[in-house]
Amino acid sequence: MEIKTDDYRISYDTDTATVNCQGSLRLSGMDEYAPIVELLEAAINQEPPIMTLNLQELDFLNSSGINVLSKFAIKVRQKKTIDLVVKGSKDILWQGKSLKNLQRLMPSLTLEWH
């Protein structure tokens, strides 16, 4: 599963249960994020024991995108069968605060900084 534009690339690797996010997500509103939400929900529905959300190459994410990630973390938490690992980059400013907020929504989430 993959969504690719000139600005960003979101893909899900079923073998490793990893969602990779790269580029810059500046979509306006939840309607434009719908394909990404569908990809994330399809990944959750596979119910892997451990899922990784790799954001190390996601340079920018606007508030609508942060909302999408928050809802994703809540849905994974509600499944109760999936451990979530989020990989972030110390070099990308928006990730520090926003990824810690994801951990508040899903306390069992593992946050890895690279």
N, C-alpha and C. Protein backbone atom coordinates (compact mmCIF):
# COMPACT_ATOMS: atom_id res chain seq x y z
N MET A 1 0.85 -1.18 0.00
CA MET A 1 0.00 0.00 0.00
C MET A 1 0.89 1.24 0.00
N GLU A 2 0.58 2.17 -0.89
CA GLU A 2 1.40 3.37 -0.98
C GLU A 2 0.60 4.54 -1.54
N ILE A 3 0.88 5.72 -0.99
CA ILE A 3 0.34 6.98 -1.51
C ILE A 3 1.55 7.86 -1.78
N LYS A 4 1.66 8.32 -3.02
CA LYS A 4 2.85 9.09 -3.38
C LYS A 4 2.45 10.32 -4.18
N THR A 5 2.98 11.48 -3.78
CA THR A 5 2.78 12.72 -4.53
C THR A 5 4.15 13.40 -4.65
N ASP A 6 4.15 14.58 -5.23
CA ASP A 6 5.41 15.33 -5.33
C ASP A 6 5.92 15.76 -3.96
N ASP A 7 5.00 15.92 -2.99
CA ASP A 7 5.36 16.46 -1.68
C ASP A 7 5.62 15.40 -0.61
N TYR A 8 4.97 14.25 -0.72
CA TYR A 8 5.10 13.25 0.34
C TYR A 8 4.90 11.83 -0.19
N ARG A 9 5.31 10.88 0.65
CA ARG A 9 5.12 9.45 0.34
C ARG A 9 4.75 8.75 1.65
N ILE A 10 3.64 8.04 1.64
CA ILE A 10 3.20 7.23 2.77
C ILE A 10 3.09 5.80 2.26
N SER A 11 3.74 4.88 2.93
CA SER A 11 3.66 3.49 2.48
C SER A 11 3.52 2.57 3.69
N TYR A 12 2.92 1.40 3.44
CA TYR A 12 2.81 0.39 4.49
C TYR A 12 3.44 -0.88 3.98
N ASP A 13 4.44 -1.36 4.69
CA ASP A 13 5.14 -2.59 4.37
C ASP A 13 4.52 -3.71 5.22
N THR A 14 3.77 -4.59 4.58
CA THR A 14 3.08 -5.64 5.34
C THR A 14 4.05 -6.64 5.96
N ASP A 15 5.21 -6.84 5.33
CA ASP A 15 6.20 -7.80 5.87
C ASP A 15 6.75 -7.36 7.22
N THR A 16 6.99 -6.05 7.36
CA THR A 16 7.56 -5.53 8.61
C THR A 16 6.52 -4.80 9.47
N ALA A 17 5.29 -4.70 8.98
CA ALA A 17 4.22 -3.96 9.66
C ALA A 17 4.68 -2.54 9.99
N THR A 18 5.27 -1.88 8.99
CA THR A 18 5.80 -0.53 9.17
C THR A 18 5.12 0.46 8.22
N VAL A 19 4.64 1.55 8.80
CA VAL A 19 4.13 2.67 8.02
C VAL A 19 5.27 3.68 7.93
N ASN A 20 5.72 3.97 6.71
CA ASN A 20 6.79 4.94 6.49
C ASN A 20 6.19 6.23 5.94
N CYS A 21 6.54 7.35 6.59
CA CYS A 21 6.04 8.66 6.16
C CYS A 21 7.24 9.53 5.82
N GLN A 22 7.22 10.10 4.62
CA GLN A 22 8.34 10.92 4.16
C GLN A 22 7.81 12.20 3.50
N GLY A 23 8.60 13.26 3.61
CA GLY A 23 8.26 14.49 2.92
C GLY A 23 7.57 15.50 3.80
N SER A 24 6.61 16.19 3.21
CA SER A 24 5.92 17.29 3.88
C SER A 24 4.42 17.16 3.66
N LEU A 25 3.67 17.01 4.76
CA LEU A 25 2.21 16.87 4.68
C LEU A 25 1.55 18.18 5.07
N ARG A 26 1.07 18.90 4.07
CA ARG A 26 0.40 20.19 4.29
C ARG A 26 -1.00 20.16 3.68
N LEU A 27 -1.68 19.04 3.82
CA LEU A 27 -3.00 18.91 3.23
C LEU A 27 -4.00 19.73 4.02
N SER A 28 -5.04 20.20 3.33
CA SER A 28 -6.01 21.06 4.02
C SER A 28 -7.26 20.26 4.38
N GLY A 29 -7.41 20.00 5.66
CA GLY A 29 -8.62 19.38 6.15
C GLY A 29 -8.63 17.87 6.05
N MET A 30 -9.60 17.30 6.76
CA MET A 30 -9.68 15.85 6.88
C MET A 30 -10.05 15.17 5.56
N ASP A 31 -10.77 15.88 4.66
CA ASP A 31 -11.12 15.28 3.37
C ASP A 31 -9.87 14.90 2.58
N GLU A 32 -8.88 15.80 2.57
CA GLU A 32 -7.66 15.53 1.82
C GLU A 32 -6.81 14.45 2.49
N TYR A 33 -6.99 14.27 3.80
CA TYR A 33 -6.24 13.23 4.50
C TYR A 33 -6.93 11.86 4.42
N ALA A 34 -8.13 11.80 3.84
CA ALA A 34 -8.91 10.54 3.81
C ALA A 34 -8.13 9.35 3.25
N PRO A 35 -7.40 9.49 2.13
CA PRO A 35 -6.65 8.32 1.63
C PRO A 35 -5.59 7.83 2.62
N ILE A 36 -4.98 8.75 3.34
CA ILE A 36 -3.97 8.38 4.33
C ILE A 36 -4.63 7.67 5.51
N VAL A 37 -5.79 8.18 5.94
CA VAL A 37 -6.54 7.54 7.02
C VAL A 37 -6.91 6.11 6.60
N GLU A 38 -7.34 5.94 5.35
CA GLU A 38 -7.69 4.60 4.85
C GLU A 38 -6.49 3.66 4.90
N LEU A 39 -5.32 4.15 4.50
CA LEU A 39 -4.11 3.34 4.54
C LEU A 39 -3.79 2.93 5.98
N LEU A 40 -3.88 3.88 6.91
CA LEU A 40 -3.59 3.59 8.32
C LEU A 40 -4.59 2.58 8.89
N GLU A 41 -5.86 2.74 8.54
CA GLU A 41 -6.89 1.80 9.03
C GLU A 41 -6.68 0.41 8.44
N ALA A 42 -6.27 0.33 7.18
CA ALA A 42 -5.99 -0.97 6.57
C ALA A 42 -4.82 -1.64 7.29
N ALA A 43 -3.83 -0.84 7.68
CA ALA A 43 -2.68 -1.38 8.42
C ALA A 43 -3.14 -1.92 9.78
N ILE A 44 -3.98 -1.17 10.47
CA ILE A 44 -4.49 -1.60 11.78
C ILE A 44 -5.29 -2.89 11.62
N ASN A 45 -6.09 -2.99 10.57
CA ASN A 45 -6.94 -4.15 10.35
C ASN A 45 -6.16 -5.43 10.09
N GLN A 46 -4.89 -5.30 9.72
CA GLN A 46 -4.02 -6.48 9.56
C GLN A 46 -3.68 -7.08 10.93
N GLU A 47 -3.84 -6.28 11.97
CA GLU A 47 -3.60 -6.67 13.36
C GLU A 47 -2.23 -7.34 13.59
N PRO A 48 -1.16 -6.68 13.17
CA PRO A 48 0.16 -7.24 13.48
C PRO A 48 0.41 -7.10 14.99
N PRO A 49 1.21 -7.99 15.59
CA PRO A 49 1.47 -7.87 17.03
C PRO A 49 2.23 -6.58 17.37
N ILE A 50 3.13 -6.17 16.45
CA ILE A 50 3.89 -4.93 16.63
C ILE A 50 3.81 -4.15 15.33
N MET A 51 3.43 -2.88 15.44
CA MET A 51 3.38 -2.00 14.28
C MET A 51 4.34 -0.84 14.51
N THR A 52 5.04 -0.46 13.46
CA THR A 52 5.97 0.66 13.54
C THR A 52 5.47 1.81 12.67
N LEU A 53 5.50 3.00 13.24
CA LEU A 53 5.18 4.23 12.50
C LEU A 53 6.49 5.01 12.40
N ASN A 54 7.07 5.00 11.21
CA ASN A 54 8.37 5.63 11.00
C ASN A 54 8.18 7.03 10.44
N LEU A 55 8.46 8.03 11.28
CA LEU A 55 8.29 9.44 10.90
C LEU A 55 9.64 10.16 10.73
N GLN A 56 10.72 9.40 10.73
CA GLN A 56 12.06 10.00 10.73
C GLN A 56 12.33 10.89 9.52
N GLU A 57 11.61 10.67 8.42
CA GLU A 57 11.83 11.48 7.22
C GLU A 57 10.62 12.36 6.89
N LEU A 58 9.73 12.54 7.89
CA LEU A 58 8.58 13.42 7.69
C LEU A 58 8.95 14.80 8.22
N ASP A 59 9.29 15.69 7.30
CA ASP A 59 9.84 17.00 7.66
C ASP A 59 8.80 17.95 8.23
N PHE A 60 7.56 17.84 7.75
CA PHE A 60 6.52 18.77 8.20
C PHE A 60 5.18 18.06 8.26
N LEU A 61 4.42 18.37 9.29
CA LEU A 61 3.07 17.84 9.44
C LEU A 61 2.21 18.95 10.05
N ASN A 62 1.11 19.30 9.36
CA ASN A 62 0.26 20.37 9.88
C ASN A 62 -0.71 19.83 10.93
N SER A 63 -1.55 20.70 11.46
CA SER A 63 -2.45 20.31 12.56
C SER A 63 -3.44 19.23 12.15
N SER A 64 -3.92 19.26 10.91
CA SER A 64 -4.83 18.20 10.45
C SER A 64 -4.12 16.86 10.43
N GLY A 65 -2.85 16.87 10.04
CA GLY A 65 -2.06 15.63 10.02
C GLY A 65 -1.78 15.12 11.42
N ILE A 66 -1.53 16.02 12.35
CA ILE A 66 -1.32 15.62 13.74
C ILE A 66 -2.61 15.00 14.29
N ASN A 67 -3.75 15.56 13.90
CA ASN A 67 -5.04 15.00 14.29
C ASN A 67 -5.20 13.56 13.76
N VAL A 68 -4.77 13.33 12.51
CA VAL A 68 -4.83 12.00 11.91
C VAL A 68 -3.97 11.02 12.72
N LEU A 69 -2.75 11.44 13.08
CA LEU A 69 -1.88 10.56 13.87
C LEU A 69 -2.46 10.29 15.25
N SER A 70 -3.09 11.29 15.84
CA SER A 70 -3.70 11.12 17.16
C SER A 70 -4.82 10.08 17.10
N LYS A 71 -5.67 10.20 16.09
CA LYS A 71 -6.77 9.23 15.93
C LYS A 71 -6.22 7.83 15.65
N PHE A 72 -5.14 7.76 14.89
CA PHE A 72 -4.49 6.48 14.60
C PHE A 72 -4.01 5.83 15.91
N ALA A 73 -3.34 6.60 16.76
CA ALA A 73 -2.84 6.06 18.04
C ALA A 73 -4.00 5.57 18.91
N ILE A 74 -5.10 6.32 18.92
CA ILE A 74 -6.26 5.92 19.72
C ILE A 74 -6.85 4.61 19.18
N LYS A 75 -6.94 4.48 17.86
CA LYS A 75 -7.49 3.25 17.27
C LYS A 75 -6.60 2.05 17.58
N VAL A 76 -5.30 2.24 17.52
CA VAL A 76 -4.37 1.14 17.85
C VAL A 76 -4.54 0.77 19.32
N ARG A 77 -4.64 1.78 20.19
CA ARG A 77 -4.83 1.52 21.62
C ARG A 77 -6.12 0.73 21.86
N GLN A 78 -7.19 1.08 21.16
CA GLN A 78 -8.47 0.40 21.34
C GLN A 78 -8.42 -1.06 20.90
N LYS A 79 -7.55 -1.40 19.96
CA LYS A 79 -7.41 -2.79 19.51
C LYS A 79 -6.90 -3.69 20.64
N LYS A 80 -6.02 -3.15 21.47
CA LYS A 80 -5.45 -3.87 22.61
C LYS A 80 -4.60 -5.08 22.22
N THR A 81 -4.40 -5.33 20.93
CA THR A 81 -3.60 -6.47 20.50
C THR A 81 -2.34 -6.05 19.75
N ILE A 82 -2.19 -4.74 19.55
CA ILE A 82 -1.07 -4.22 18.76
C ILE A 82 -0.18 -3.33 19.63
N ASP A 83 1.11 -3.63 19.64
CA ASP A 83 2.08 -2.73 20.27
C ASP A 83 2.55 -1.76 19.19
N LEU A 84 2.57 -0.48 19.53
CA LEU A 84 2.95 0.54 18.56
C LEU A 84 4.31 1.13 18.90
N VAL A 85 5.20 1.16 17.90
CA VAL A 85 6.51 1.79 18.02
C VAL A 85 6.51 2.98 17.07
N VAL A 86 6.85 4.16 17.59
CA VAL A 86 6.93 5.35 16.75
C VAL A 86 8.39 5.79 16.70
N LYS A 87 8.91 5.91 15.48
CA LYS A 87 10.30 6.35 15.29
C LYS A 87 10.29 7.79 14.82
N GLY A 88 10.97 8.64 15.58
CA GLY A 88 11.04 10.05 15.24
C GLY A 88 12.48 10.52 15.11
N SER A 89 12.63 11.72 14.63
CA SER A 89 13.95 12.32 14.46
C SER A 89 14.12 13.51 15.39
N LYS A 90 15.21 13.51 16.13
CA LYS A 90 15.51 14.65 17.01
C LYS A 90 15.76 15.92 16.20
N ASP A 91 16.11 15.77 14.94
CA ASP A 91 16.46 16.91 14.10
C ASP A 91 15.24 17.64 13.51
N ILE A 92 14.06 17.05 13.65
CA ILE A 92 12.85 17.66 13.08
C ILE A 92 12.02 18.24 14.22
N LEU A 93 11.94 19.57 14.26
CA LEU A 93 11.38 20.28 15.41
C LEU A 93 9.96 19.88 15.79
N TRP A 94 9.05 19.77 14.84
CA TRP A 94 7.64 19.50 15.18
C TRP A 94 7.47 18.18 15.92
N GLN A 95 8.38 17.24 15.73
CA GLN A 95 8.19 15.90 16.28
C GLN A 95 8.33 15.84 17.80
N GLY A 96 9.20 16.65 18.38
CA GLY A 96 9.43 16.58 19.83
C GLY A 96 8.17 16.64 20.65
N LYS A 97 7.43 17.71 20.53
CA LYS A 97 6.21 17.89 21.32
C LYS A 97 5.08 16.99 20.83
N SER A 98 4.90 16.92 19.52
CA SER A 98 3.76 16.19 18.97
C SER A 98 3.83 14.70 19.26
N LEU A 99 5.01 14.11 19.18
CA LEU A 99 5.12 12.67 19.41
C LEU A 99 4.97 12.33 20.89
N LYS A 100 5.38 13.25 21.75
CA LYS A 100 5.15 13.03 23.19
C LYS A 100 3.64 13.05 23.49
N ASN A 101 2.90 13.89 22.77
CA ASN A 101 1.44 13.91 22.93
C ASN A 101 0.81 12.59 22.50
N LEU A 102 1.37 11.96 21.47
CA LEU A 102 0.86 10.64 21.06
C LEU A 102 1.04 9.64 22.20
N GLN A 103 2.14 9.78 22.92
CA GLN A 103 2.40 8.87 24.03
C GLN A 103 1.39 9.08 25.15
N ARG A 104 0.89 10.30 25.30
CA ARG A 104 -0.16 10.55 26.30
C ARG A 104 -1.46 9.86 25.90
N LEU A 105 -1.72 9.81 24.59
CA LEU A 105 -2.94 9.17 24.10
C LEU A 105 -2.84 7.64 24.19
N MET A 106 -1.62 7.14 24.06
CA MET A 106 -1.39 5.69 24.11
C MET A 106 -0.14 5.45 24.97
N PRO A 107 -0.31 5.38 26.30
CA PRO A 107 0.84 5.26 27.20
C PRO A 107 1.77 4.07 26.92
N SER A 108 1.25 3.00 26.31
CA SER A 108 2.08 1.84 26.04
C SER A 108 2.94 2.02 24.78
N LEU A 109 2.73 3.10 24.05
CA LEU A 109 3.49 3.37 22.85
C LEU A 109 4.98 3.50 23.15
N THR A 110 5.82 2.92 22.30
CA THR A 110 7.27 3.04 22.44
C THR A 110 7.74 4.12 21.49
N LEU A 111 8.43 5.12 22.03
CA LEU A 111 8.94 6.23 21.22
C LEU A 111 10.44 6.07 21.08
N GLU A 112 10.92 5.99 19.84
CA GLU A 112 12.35 5.85 19.57
C GLU A 112 12.84 7.07 18.82
N TRP A 113 13.91 7.67 19.32
CA TRP A 113 14.48 8.86 18.68
C TRP A 113 15.77 8.48 17.95
N HIS A 114 15.90 8.97 16.74
CA HIS A 114 17.09 8.68 15.94
C HIS A 114 17.71 9.97 15.44
